[in-house]
Amino acid sequence: MSDTTTKPGVRTTEFWLTLLATLASGAAALDILPVEHPSMRLAGLVGMVLSAMGYGAMRAVAKRGQPRG
């Protein structure tokens, strides 16, 4: 039997992994975590944006009920 309902976002593993990645990348971007090279701050900002955008896109796919891939 297949369950077609979508769980709330905060109850998914993807949400928590995205939150962790966003916080770690944001900490590097804001120089809260020590980074070895100044370009790592930019990489942290890019990582933060990409992880948040990826999560949003995958939630939209899940809400539409379309298979990934």
PDB file of N, CA and C in Angstrom:
ATOM      1  N   MET A   1       0.848  -1.170   0.000  1.00  0.00           N
ATOM      2  CA  MET A   1       0.000   0.000   0.000  1.00  0.00           C
ATOM      3  C   MET A   1       0.891   1.229   0.000  1.00  0.00           C
ATOM      4  N   SER A   2       0.608   2.166  -0.908  1.00  0.00           N
ATOM      5  CA  SER A   2       1.447   3.351  -1.075  1.00  0.00           C
ATOM      6  C   SER A   2       0.801   4.555  -0.404  1.00  0.00           C
ATOM      7  N   ASP A   3       1.582   5.260   0.392  1.00  0.00           N
ATOM      8  CA  ASP A   3       1.109   6.476   1.044  1.00  0.00           C
ATOM      9  C   ASP A   3       1.489   7.662   0.178  1.00  0.00           C
ATOM     10  N   THR A   4       0.494   8.402  -0.301  1.00  0.00           N
ATOM     11  CA  THR A   4       0.775   9.516  -1.214  1.00  0.00           C
ATOM     12  C   THR A   4       0.786  10.863  -0.517  1.00  0.00           C
ATOM     13  N   THR A   5       0.568  10.893   0.796  1.00  0.00           N
ATOM     14  CA  THR A   5       0.595  12.166   1.500  1.00  0.00           C
ATOM     15  C   THR A   5       2.033  12.603   1.716  1.00  0.00           C
ATOM     16  N   THR A   6       2.223  13.909   1.771  1.00  0.00           N
ATOM     17  CA  THR A   6       3.556  14.484   1.972  1.00  0.00           C
ATOM     18  C   THR A   6       3.688  14.904   3.430  1.00  0.00           C
ATOM     19  N   LYS A   7       4.789  14.486   4.052  1.00  0.00           N
ATOM     20  CA  LYS A   7       5.039  14.872   5.442  1.00  0.00           C
ATOM     21  C   LYS A   7       5.330  16.366   5.524  1.00  0.00           C
ATOM     22  N   PRO A   8       5.027  16.991   6.659  1.00  0.00           N
ATOM     23  CA  PRO A   8       5.450  18.383   6.849  1.00  0.00           C
ATOM     24  C   PRO A   8       6.976  18.483   6.745  1.00  0.00           C
ATOM     25  N   GLY A   9       7.441  19.600   6.234  1.00  0.00           N
ATOM     26  CA  GLY A   9       8.867  19.778   5.977  1.00  0.00           C
ATOM     27  C   GLY A   9       9.768  19.515   7.167  1.00  0.00           C
ATOM     28  N   VAL A  10       9.380  19.961   8.347  1.00  0.00           N
ATOM     29  CA  VAL A  10      10.261  19.817   9.515  1.00  0.00           C
ATOM     30  C   VAL A  10      10.327  18.382  10.006  1.00  0.00           C
ATOM     31  N   ARG A  11       9.519  17.496   9.469  1.00  0.00           N
ATOM     32  CA  ARG A  11       9.565  16.092   9.866  1.00  0.00           C
ATOM     33  C   ARG A  11      10.373  15.246   8.895  1.00  0.00           C
ATOM     34  N   THR A  12      11.076  15.881   7.965  1.00  0.00           N
ATOM     35  CA  THR A  12      11.856  15.130   6.984  1.00  0.00           C
ATOM     36  C   THR A  12      13.348  15.225   7.288  1.00  0.00           C
ATOM     37  N   THR A  13      14.051  14.185   6.924  1.00  0.00           N
ATOM     38  CA  THR A  13      15.509  14.175   7.067  1.00  0.00           C
ATOM     39  C   THR A  13      16.129  15.241   6.173  1.00  0.00           C
ATOM     40  N   GLU A  14      15.562  15.437   4.998  1.00  0.00           N
ATOM     41  CA  GLU A  14      16.095  16.432   4.063  1.00  0.00           C
ATOM     42  C   GLU A  14      16.093  17.829   4.682  1.00  0.00           C
ATOM     43  N   PHE A  15      15.048  18.151   5.439  1.00  0.00           N
ATOM     44  CA  PHE A  15      14.981  19.462   6.083  1.00  0.00           C
ATOM     45  C   PHE A  15      16.144  19.640   7.056  1.00  0.00           C
ATOM     46  N   TRP A  16      16.363  18.632   7.902  1.00  0.00           N
ATOM     47  CA  TRP A  16      17.392  18.768   8.927  1.00  0.00           C
ATOM     48  C   TRP A  16      18.791  18.780   8.329  1.00  0.00           C
ATOM     49  N   LEU A  17      19.023  17.991   7.280  1.00  0.00           N
ATOM     50  CA  LEU A  17      20.323  18.016   6.618  1.00  0.00           C
ATOM     51  C   LEU A  17      20.556  19.347   5.906  1.00  0.00           C
ATOM     52  N   THR A  18      19.500  19.892   5.296  1.00  0.00           N
ATOM     53  CA  THR A  18      19.620  21.193   4.642  1.00  0.00           C
ATOM     54  C   THR A  18      19.865  22.284   5.672  1.00  0.00           C
ATOM     55  N   LEU A  19      19.179  22.212   6.784  1.00  0.00           N
ATOM     56  CA  LEU A  19      19.388  23.199   7.841  1.00  0.00           C
ATOM     57  C   LEU A  19      20.826  23.152   8.349  1.00  0.00           C
ATOM     58  N   LEU A  20      21.340  21.948   8.558  1.00  0.00           N
ATOM     59  CA  LEU A  20      22.721  21.797   9.014  1.00  0.00           C
ATOM     60  C   LEU A  20      23.706  22.359   7.990  1.00  0.00           C
ATOM     61  N   ALA A  21      23.497  22.024   6.719  1.00  0.00           N
ATOM     62  CA  ALA A  21      24.385  22.523   5.661  1.00  0.00           C
ATOM     63  C   ALA A  21      24.297  24.039   5.535  1.00  0.00           C
ATOM     64  N   THR A  22      23.094  24.582   5.649  1.00  0.00           N
ATOM     65  CA  THR A  22      22.911  26.031   5.539  1.00  0.00           C
ATOM     66  C   THR A  22      23.574  26.751   6.705  1.00  0.00           C
ATOM     67  N   LEU A  23      23.414  26.223   7.899  1.00  0.00           N
ATOM     68  CA  LEU A  23      24.030  26.862   9.071  1.00  0.00           C
ATOM     69  C   LEU A  23      25.559  26.787   9.018  1.00  0.00           C
ATOM     70  N   ALA A  24      26.089  25.639   8.617  1.00  0.00           N
ATOM     71  CA  ALA A  24      27.546  25.506   8.533  1.00  0.00           C
ATOM     72  C   ALA A  24      28.105  26.414   7.443  1.00  0.00           C
ATOM     73  N   SER A  25      27.440  26.450   6.296  1.00  0.00           N
ATOM     74  CA  SER A  25      27.901  27.326   5.213  1.00  0.00           C
ATOM     75  C   SER A  25      27.767  28.787   5.597  1.00  0.00           C
ATOM     76  N   GLY A  26      26.680  29.116   6.269  1.00  0.00           N
ATOM     77  CA  GLY A  26      26.486  30.497   6.717  1.00  0.00           C
ATOM     78  C   GLY A  26      27.524  30.910   7.746  1.00  0.00           C
ATOM     79  N   ALA A  27      27.892  29.985   8.623  1.00  0.00           N
ATOM     80  CA  ALA A  27      28.922  30.296   9.622  1.00  0.00           C
ATOM     81  C   ALA A  27      30.260  30.563   8.949  1.00  0.00           C
ATOM     82  N   ALA A  28      30.561  29.824   7.890  1.00  0.00           N
ATOM     83  CA  ALA A  28      31.800  30.075   7.152  1.00  0.00           C
ATOM     84  C   ALA A  28      31.710  31.399   6.392  1.00  0.00           C
ATOM     85  N   ALA A  29      30.542  31.676   5.812  1.00  0.00           N
ATOM     86  CA  ALA A  29      30.365  32.914   5.048  1.00  0.00           C
ATOM     87  C   ALA A  29      30.450  34.149   5.948  1.00  0.00           C
ATOM     88  N   LEU A  30      29.949  34.040   7.163  1.00  0.00           N
ATOM     89  CA  LEU A  30      29.968  35.177   8.086  1.00  0.00           C
ATOM     90  C   LEU A  30      31.221  35.227   8.940  1.00  0.00           C
ATOM     91  N   ASP A  31      32.163  34.335   8.662  1.00  0.00           N
ATOM     92  CA  ASP A  31      33.445  34.273   9.368  1.00  0.00           C
ATOM     93  C   ASP A  31      33.278  33.928  10.848  1.00  0.00           C
ATOM     94  N   ILE A  32      32.230  33.182  11.155  1.00  0.00           N
ATOM     95  CA  ILE A  32      32.050  32.675  12.517  1.00  0.00           C
ATOM     96  C   ILE A  32      32.965  31.478  12.727  1.00  0.00           C
ATOM     97  N   LEU A  33      33.051  30.633  11.696  1.00  0.00           N
ATOM     98  CA  LEU A  33      34.018  29.537  11.696  1.00  0.00           C
ATOM     99  C   LEU A  33      35.302  30.032  11.050  1.00  0.00           C
ATOM    100  N   PRO A  34      36.436  29.688  11.605  1.00  0.00           N
ATOM    101  CA  PRO A  34      37.683  30.132  10.971  1.00  0.00           C
ATOM    102  C   PRO A  34      37.895  29.435   9.623  1.00  0.00           C
ATOM    103  N   VAL A  35      38.231  30.220   8.625  1.00  0.00           N
ATOM    104  CA  VAL A  35      38.503  29.674   7.298  1.00  0.00           C
ATOM    105  C   VAL A  35      39.944  30.011   6.927  1.00  0.00           C
ATOM    106  N   GLU A  36      40.559  29.131   6.136  1.00  0.00           N
ATOM    107  CA  GLU A  36      41.966  29.299   5.806  1.00  0.00           C
ATOM    108  C   GLU A  36      42.208  30.336   4.720  1.00  0.00           C
ATOM    109  N   HIS A  37      41.232  30.532   3.850  1.00  0.00           N
ATOM    110  CA  HIS A  37      41.423  31.433   2.721  1.00  0.00           C
ATOM    111  C   HIS A  37      40.167  32.294   2.572  1.00  0.00           C
ATOM    112  N   PRO A  38      40.312  33.580   2.266  1.00  0.00           N
ATOM    113  CA  PRO A  38      39.138  34.452   2.138  1.00  0.00           C
ATOM    114  C   PRO A  38      38.114  33.982   1.106  1.00  0.00           C
ATOM    115  N   SER A  39      38.548  33.261   0.085  1.00  0.00           N
ATOM    116  CA  SER A  39      37.587  32.787  -0.912  1.00  0.00           C
ATOM    117  C   SER A  39      36.649  31.737  -0.328  1.00  0.00           C
ATOM    118  N   MET A  40      37.014  31.152   0.784  1.00  0.00           N
ATOM    119  CA  MET A  40      36.136  30.181   1.430  1.00  0.00           C
ATOM    120  C   MET A  40      34.872  30.835   1.968  1.00  0.00           C
ATOM    121  N   ARG A  41      34.936  32.134   2.263  1.00  0.00           N
ATOM    122  CA  ARG A  41      33.733  32.845   2.695  1.00  0.00           C
ATOM    123  C   ARG A  41      32.723  32.897   1.556  1.00  0.00           C
ATOM    124  N   LEU A  42      33.205  33.149   0.344  1.00  0.00           N
ATOM    125  CA  LEU A  42      32.327  33.156  -0.822  1.00  0.00           C
ATOM    126  C   LEU A  42      31.778  31.756  -1.077  1.00  0.00           C
ATOM    127  N   ALA A  43      32.624  30.748  -0.935  1.00  0.00           N
ATOM    128  CA  ALA A  43      32.171  29.372  -1.116  1.00  0.00           C
ATOM    129  C   ALA A  43      31.094  29.021  -0.087  1.00  0.00           C
ATOM    130  N   GLY A  44      31.225  29.517   1.121  1.00  0.00           N
ATOM    131  CA  GLY A  44      30.210  29.291   2.147  1.00  0.00           C
ATOM    132  C   GLY A  44      28.892  29.939   1.781  1.00  0.00           C
ATOM    133  N   LEU A  45      28.959  31.141   1.243  1.00  0.00           N
ATOM    134  CA  LEU A  45      27.742  31.835   0.819  1.00  0.00           C
ATOM    135  C   LEU A  45      27.063  31.087  -0.323  1.00  0.00           C
ATOM    136  N   VAL A  46      27.843  30.657  -1.292  1.00  0.00           N
ATOM    137  CA  VAL A  46      27.291  29.907  -2.424  1.00  0.00           C
ATOM    138  C   VAL A  46      26.683  28.588  -1.936  1.00  0.00           C
ATOM    139  N   GLY A  47      27.370  27.898  -1.042  1.00  0.00           N
ATOM    140  CA  GLY A  47      26.847  26.649  -0.496  1.00  0.00           C
ATOM    141  C   GLY A  47      25.540  26.847   0.249  1.00  0.00           C
ATOM    142  N   MET A  48      25.455  27.934   0.993  1.00  0.00           N
ATOM    143  CA  MET A  48      24.244  28.241   1.741  1.00  0.00           C
ATOM    144  C   MET A  48      23.067  28.462   0.793  1.00  0.00           C
ATOM    145  N   VAL A  49      23.282  29.248  -0.236  1.00  0.00           N
ATOM    146  CA  VAL A  49      22.218  29.552  -1.196  1.00  0.00           C
ATOM    147  C   VAL A  49      21.803  28.296  -1.965  1.00  0.00           C
ATOM    148  N   LEU A  50      22.779  27.524  -2.431  1.00  0.00           N
ATOM    149  CA  LEU A  50      22.459  26.331  -3.217  1.00  0.00           C
ATOM    150  C   LEU A  50      21.724  25.268  -2.396  1.00  0.00           C
ATOM    151  N   SER A  51      22.110  25.089  -1.153  1.00  0.00           N
ATOM    152  CA  SER A  51      21.418  24.081  -0.344  1.00  0.00           C
ATOM    153  C   SER A  51      19.980  24.502  -0.067  1.00  0.00           C
ATOM    154  N   ALA A  52      19.753  25.776   0.200  1.00  0.00           N
ATOM    155  CA  ALA A  52      18.389  26.247   0.434  1.00  0.00           C
ATOM    156  C   ALA A  52      17.541  26.152  -0.841  1.00  0.00           C
ATOM    157  N   MET A  53      18.125  26.504  -1.971  1.00  0.00           N
ATOM    158  CA  MET A  53      17.386  26.416  -3.232  1.00  0.00           C
ATOM    159  C   MET A  53      17.080  24.967  -3.595  1.00  0.00           C
ATOM    160  N   GLY A  54      18.033  24.086  -3.378  1.00  0.00           N
ATOM    161  CA  GLY A  54      17.819  22.671  -3.670  1.00  0.00           C
ATOM    162  C   GLY A  54      16.713  22.082  -2.822  1.00  0.00           C
ATOM    163  N   TYR A  55      16.682  22.447  -1.556  1.00  0.00           N
ATOM    164  CA  TYR A  55      15.633  21.952  -0.674  1.00  0.00           C
ATOM    165  C   TYR A  55      14.272  22.466  -1.128  1.00  0.00           C
ATOM    166  N   GLY A  56      14.210  23.735  -1.461  1.00  0.00           N
ATOM    167  CA  GLY A  56      12.941  24.293  -1.934  1.00  0.00           C
ATOM    168  C   GLY A  56      12.445  23.615  -3.199  1.00  0.00           C
ATOM    169  N   ALA A  57      13.350  23.341  -4.113  1.00  0.00           N
ATOM    170  CA  ALA A  57      12.966  22.673  -5.360  1.00  0.00           C
ATOM    171  C   ALA A  57      12.481  21.250  -5.088  1.00  0.00           C
ATOM    172  N   MET A  58      13.160  20.530  -4.218  1.00  0.00           N
ATOM    173  CA  MET A  58      12.748  19.156  -3.931  1.00  0.00           C
ATOM    174  C   MET A  58      11.426  19.105  -3.162  1.00  0.00           C
ATOM    175  N   ARG A  59      11.171  20.084  -2.309  1.00  0.00           N
ATOM    176  CA  ARG A  59       9.875  20.134  -1.620  1.00  0.00           C
ATOM    177  C   ARG A  59       8.762  20.405  -2.615  1.00  0.00           C
ATOM    178  N   ALA A  60       9.019  21.259  -3.598  1.00  0.00           N
ATOM    179  CA  ALA A  60       8.009  21.528  -4.619  1.00  0.00           C
ATOM    180  C   ALA A  60       7.701  20.266  -5.405  1.00  0.00           C
ATOM    181  N   VAL A  61       8.726  19.491  -5.736  1.00  0.00           N
ATOM    182  CA  VAL A  61       8.518  18.227  -6.448  1.00  0.00           C
ATOM    183  C   VAL A  61       7.715  17.262  -5.568  1.00  0.00           C
ATOM    184  N   ALA A  62       8.047  17.195  -4.296  1.00  0.00           N
ATOM    185  CA  ALA A  62       7.337  16.296  -3.389  1.00  0.00           C
ATOM    186  C   ALA A  62       5.872  16.706  -3.239  1.00  0.00           C
ATOM    187  N   LYS A  63       5.624  17.996  -3.180  1.00  0.00           N
ATOM    188  CA  LYS A  63       4.246  18.480  -3.032  1.00  0.00           C
ATOM    189  C   LYS A  63       3.415  18.175  -4.276  1.00  0.00           C
ATOM    190  N   ARG A  64       4.042  18.197  -5.449  1.00  0.00           N
ATOM    191  CA  ARG A  64       3.331  17.867  -6.685  1.00  0.00           C
ATOM    192  C   ARG A  64       3.136  16.379  -6.830  1.00  0.00           C
ATOM    193  N   GLY A  65       3.895  15.599  -6.084  1.00  0.00           N
ATOM    194  CA  GLY A  65       3.763  14.152  -6.146  1.00  0.00           C
ATOM    195  C   GLY A  65       4.463  13.518  -7.315  1.00  0.00           C
ATOM    196  N   GLN A  66       5.436  14.219  -7.911  1.00  0.00           N
ATOM    197  CA  GLN A  66       6.159  13.664  -9.030  1.00  0.00           C
ATOM    198  C   GLN A  66       7.402  12.934  -8.525  1.00  0.00           C
ATOM    199  N   PRO A  67       7.757  11.840  -9.190  1.00  0.00           N
ATOM    200  CA  PRO A  67       8.964  11.120  -8.770  1.00  0.00           C
ATOM    201  C   PRO A  67      10.218  11.911  -9.117  1.00  0.00           C
ATOM    202  N   ARG A  68      11.235  11.799  -8.235  1.00  0.00           N
ATOM    203  CA  ARG A  68      12.526  12.432  -8.496  1.00  0.00           C
ATOM    204  C   ARG A  68      13.286  11.605  -9.504  1.00  0.00           C
ATOM    205  N   GLY A  69      14.035  12.307 -10.345  1.00  0.00           N
ATOM    206  CA  GLY A  69      14.920  11.587 -11.237  1.00  0.00           C
ATOM    207  C   GLY A  69      14.403  11.517 -12.589  1.00  0.00           C
TER     208      GLY A  69
END
